Amino acid sequence: MADSIQEIADSELIERVATNKKELFNLRFQRATGQLENIARVKQVRREIARIKTEIRAREIKAAERVAAGKEA
């Protein structure tokens, strides 16, 4: 899973975060109304969001380091 996230474009990662947040909202709503059958799915979606956000942040840091290295040279 982590390997595939590293190969995805930034815009696709942002779209996936948005999609997963919508799914998480729906899962929470289903859980509150007693309609959710797979409770573990909430945890899976939360972790997926965290993985994607971690990759996005790592890319931001890497880009900032390249800019800083360019200014020093």
N, C-alpha and C. Protein backbone atom coordinates (compact mmCIF):
# COMPACT_ATOMS: atom_id res chain seq x y z
N MET A 1 0.82 -1.19 0.00
CA MET A 1 0.00 0.00 0.00
C MET A 1 0.86 1.26 0.00
N ALA A 2 1.89 1.30 0.83
CA ALA A 2 2.73 2.48 0.92
C ALA A 2 3.46 2.73 -0.39
N ASP A 3 3.89 1.68 -1.07
CA ASP A 3 4.59 1.84 -2.34
C ASP A 3 3.67 2.48 -3.37
N SER A 4 2.43 2.04 -3.41
CA SER A 4 1.52 2.59 -4.40
C SER A 4 1.19 4.06 -4.12
N ILE A 5 1.13 4.45 -2.88
CA ILE A 5 0.85 5.85 -2.53
C ILE A 5 2.00 6.74 -2.99
N GLN A 6 3.22 6.26 -2.90
CA GLN A 6 4.37 7.05 -3.30
C GLN A 6 4.42 7.30 -4.80
N GLU A 7 3.75 6.47 -5.57
CA GLU A 7 3.79 6.58 -7.02
C GLU A 7 2.65 7.43 -7.58
N ILE A 8 1.71 7.82 -6.74
CA ILE A 8 0.54 8.57 -7.18
C ILE A 8 0.84 10.06 -7.22
N ALA A 9 0.26 10.76 -8.20
CA ALA A 9 0.45 12.20 -8.34
C ALA A 9 -0.19 12.95 -7.19
N ASP A 10 0.29 14.15 -6.94
CA ASP A 10 -0.20 14.98 -5.83
C ASP A 10 -1.70 15.24 -5.93
N SER A 11 -2.15 15.58 -7.12
CA SER A 11 -3.57 15.91 -7.29
C SER A 11 -4.45 14.69 -7.00
N GLU A 12 -3.99 13.52 -7.38
CA GLU A 12 -4.75 12.29 -7.11
C GLU A 12 -4.79 12.01 -5.60
N LEU A 13 -3.70 12.28 -4.91
CA LEU A 13 -3.67 12.08 -3.46
C LEU A 13 -4.68 12.99 -2.76
N ILE A 14 -4.75 14.22 -3.22
CA ILE A 14 -5.69 15.17 -2.62
C ILE A 14 -7.12 14.72 -2.87
N GLU A 15 -7.38 14.21 -4.07
CA GLU A 15 -8.71 13.70 -4.38
C GLU A 15 -9.06 12.50 -3.50
N ARG A 16 -8.08 11.64 -3.28
CA ARG A 16 -8.32 10.46 -2.44
C ARG A 16 -8.62 10.84 -1.00
N VAL A 17 -7.94 11.85 -0.50
CA VAL A 17 -8.22 12.32 0.87
C VAL A 17 -9.67 12.80 0.96
N ALA A 18 -10.09 13.57 -0.02
CA ALA A 18 -11.46 14.10 -0.03
C ALA A 18 -12.47 12.95 -0.11
N THR A 19 -12.21 11.99 -0.97
CA THR A 19 -13.11 10.84 -1.12
C THR A 19 -13.19 10.04 0.17
N ASN A 20 -12.03 9.81 0.79
CA ASN A 20 -12.02 9.04 2.03
C ASN A 20 -12.70 9.79 3.17
N LYS A 21 -12.57 11.11 3.18
CA LYS A 21 -13.25 11.89 4.22
C LYS A 21 -14.77 11.79 4.07
N LYS A 22 -15.23 11.80 2.83
CA LYS A 22 -16.67 11.64 2.60
C LYS A 22 -17.13 10.26 3.04
N GLU A 23 -16.33 9.24 2.70
CA GLU A 23 -16.68 7.88 3.12
C GLU A 23 -16.70 7.77 4.63
N LEU A 24 -15.71 8.38 5.29
CA LEU A 24 -15.65 8.33 6.75
C LEU A 24 -16.87 9.00 7.37
N PHE A 25 -17.28 10.13 6.80
CA PHE A 25 -18.49 10.80 7.29
C PHE A 25 -19.69 9.88 7.17
N ASN A 26 -19.84 9.22 6.02
CA ASN A 26 -20.97 8.31 5.82
C ASN A 26 -20.91 7.12 6.76
N LEU A 27 -19.71 6.60 6.99
CA LEU A 27 -19.56 5.47 7.91
C LEU A 27 -19.95 5.87 9.34
N ARG A 28 -19.52 7.06 9.75
CA ARG A 28 -19.87 7.54 11.09
C ARG A 28 -21.38 7.75 11.22
N PHE A 29 -21.97 8.26 10.17
CA PHE A 29 -23.42 8.45 10.17
C PHE A 29 -24.14 7.10 10.28
N GLN A 30 -23.67 6.13 9.51
CA GLN A 30 -24.26 4.79 9.56
C GLN A 30 -24.09 4.17 10.95
N ARG A 31 -22.92 4.39 11.56
CA ARG A 31 -22.68 3.83 12.88
C ARG A 31 -23.63 4.47 13.89
N ALA A 32 -23.85 5.76 13.78
CA ALA A 32 -24.73 6.47 14.71
C ALA A 32 -26.18 6.01 14.58
N THR A 33 -26.58 5.65 13.37
CA THR A 33 -27.96 5.22 13.16
C THR A 33 -28.13 3.71 13.29
N GLY A 34 -27.00 3.00 13.56
CA GLY A 34 -27.09 1.56 13.77
C GLY A 34 -27.13 0.76 12.48
N GLN A 35 -26.76 1.35 11.36
CA GLN A 35 -26.82 0.65 10.08
C GLN A 35 -25.48 0.09 9.64
N LEU A 36 -24.40 0.43 10.35
CA LEU A 36 -23.07 0.01 9.94
C LEU A 36 -22.84 -1.44 10.30
N GLU A 37 -22.47 -2.25 9.30
CA GLU A 37 -22.21 -3.67 9.54
C GLU A 37 -20.73 -3.94 9.77
N ASN A 38 -19.86 -3.25 9.02
CA ASN A 38 -18.43 -3.48 9.14
C ASN A 38 -17.80 -2.32 9.92
N ILE A 39 -17.74 -2.46 11.21
CA ILE A 39 -17.22 -1.39 12.07
C ILE A 39 -15.73 -1.17 11.82
N ALA A 40 -15.01 -2.20 11.44
CA ALA A 40 -13.56 -2.09 11.20
C ALA A 40 -13.25 -1.17 10.03
N ARG A 41 -14.21 -0.96 9.15
CA ARG A 41 -13.98 -0.11 7.98
C ARG A 41 -13.67 1.33 8.40
N VAL A 42 -14.24 1.79 9.50
CA VAL A 42 -13.97 3.15 9.99
C VAL A 42 -12.48 3.29 10.28
N LYS A 43 -11.91 2.34 10.95
CA LYS A 43 -10.49 2.36 11.29
C LYS A 43 -9.63 2.30 10.02
N GLN A 44 -10.03 1.48 9.07
CA GLN A 44 -9.28 1.35 7.82
C GLN A 44 -9.24 2.68 7.06
N VAL A 45 -10.38 3.34 6.99
CA VAL A 45 -10.46 4.61 6.25
C VAL A 45 -9.65 5.68 6.96
N ARG A 46 -9.71 5.73 8.29
CA ARG A 46 -8.94 6.70 9.05
C ARG A 46 -7.44 6.51 8.81
N ARG A 47 -7.00 5.27 8.80
CA ARG A 47 -5.59 5.00 8.56
C ARG A 47 -5.18 5.34 7.13
N GLU A 48 -6.05 5.07 6.19
CA GLU A 48 -5.77 5.41 4.79
C GLU A 48 -5.59 6.92 4.65
N ILE A 49 -6.46 7.70 5.29
CA ILE A 49 -6.34 9.16 5.26
C ILE A 49 -5.00 9.58 5.87
N ALA A 50 -4.63 8.98 6.98
CA ALA A 50 -3.37 9.31 7.64
C ALA A 50 -2.17 8.98 6.76
N ARG A 51 -2.21 7.84 6.09
CA ARG A 51 -1.11 7.46 5.21
C ARG A 51 -0.95 8.47 4.06
N ILE A 52 -2.07 8.84 3.47
CA ILE A 52 -2.02 9.76 2.35
C ILE A 52 -1.53 11.13 2.80
N LYS A 53 -2.04 11.62 3.94
CA LYS A 53 -1.61 12.92 4.44
C LYS A 53 -0.13 12.90 4.81
N THR A 54 0.37 11.78 5.31
CA THR A 54 1.78 11.65 5.63
C THR A 54 2.63 11.76 4.37
N GLU A 55 2.19 11.11 3.30
CA GLU A 55 2.92 11.18 2.03
C GLU A 55 2.90 12.61 1.47
N ILE A 56 1.76 13.26 1.56
CA ILE A 56 1.67 14.65 1.07
C ILE A 56 2.63 15.54 1.86
N ARG A 57 2.66 15.39 3.16
CA ARG A 57 3.54 16.20 4.01
C ARG A 57 5.01 15.90 3.71
N ALA A 58 5.34 14.64 3.48
CA ALA A 58 6.72 14.27 3.16
C ALA A 58 7.15 14.94 1.85
N ARG A 59 6.25 15.00 0.89
CA ARG A 59 6.56 15.67 -0.37
C ARG A 59 6.74 17.16 -0.18
N GLU A 60 5.93 17.77 0.70
CA GLU A 60 6.07 19.20 0.98
C GLU A 60 7.43 19.49 1.62
N ILE A 61 7.84 18.65 2.54
CA ILE A 61 9.13 18.83 3.21
C ILE A 61 10.27 18.68 2.22
N LYS A 62 10.17 17.66 1.36
CA LYS A 62 11.22 17.43 0.36
C LYS A 62 11.33 18.64 -0.59
N ALA A 63 10.20 19.19 -0.99
CA ALA A 63 10.21 20.35 -1.88
C ALA A 63 10.82 21.56 -1.17
N ALA A 64 10.49 21.75 0.10
CA ALA A 64 11.04 22.87 0.86
C ALA A 64 12.55 22.72 1.02
N GLU A 65 13.02 21.50 1.21
CA GLU A 65 14.45 21.27 1.35
C GLU A 65 15.18 21.57 0.04
N ARG A 66 14.55 21.24 -1.09
CA ARG A 66 15.17 21.54 -2.38
C ARG A 66 15.27 23.05 -2.59
N VAL A 67 14.23 23.77 -2.20
CA VAL A 67 14.23 25.23 -2.34
C VAL A 67 15.32 25.82 -1.44
N ALA A 68 15.40 25.33 -0.22
CA ALA A 68 16.41 25.84 0.71
C ALA A 68 17.81 25.53 0.21
N ALA A 69 18.00 24.35 -0.35
CA ALA A 69 19.32 23.97 -0.88
C ALA A 69 19.68 24.84 -2.07
N GLY A 70 18.69 25.21 -2.86
CA GLY A 70 18.93 26.07 -4.01
C GLY A 70 19.34 27.48 -3.60
N LYS A 71 18.79 27.98 -2.51
CA LYS A 71 19.11 29.32 -2.03
C LYS A 71 20.51 29.37 -1.41
N GLU A 72 20.95 28.26 -0.83
CA GLU A 72 22.26 28.21 -0.19
C GLU A 72 23.37 28.15 -1.22
N ALA A 73 23.08 27.57 -2.36
CA ALA A 73 24.15 27.37 -3.36
C ALA A 73 24.53 28.62 -4.09
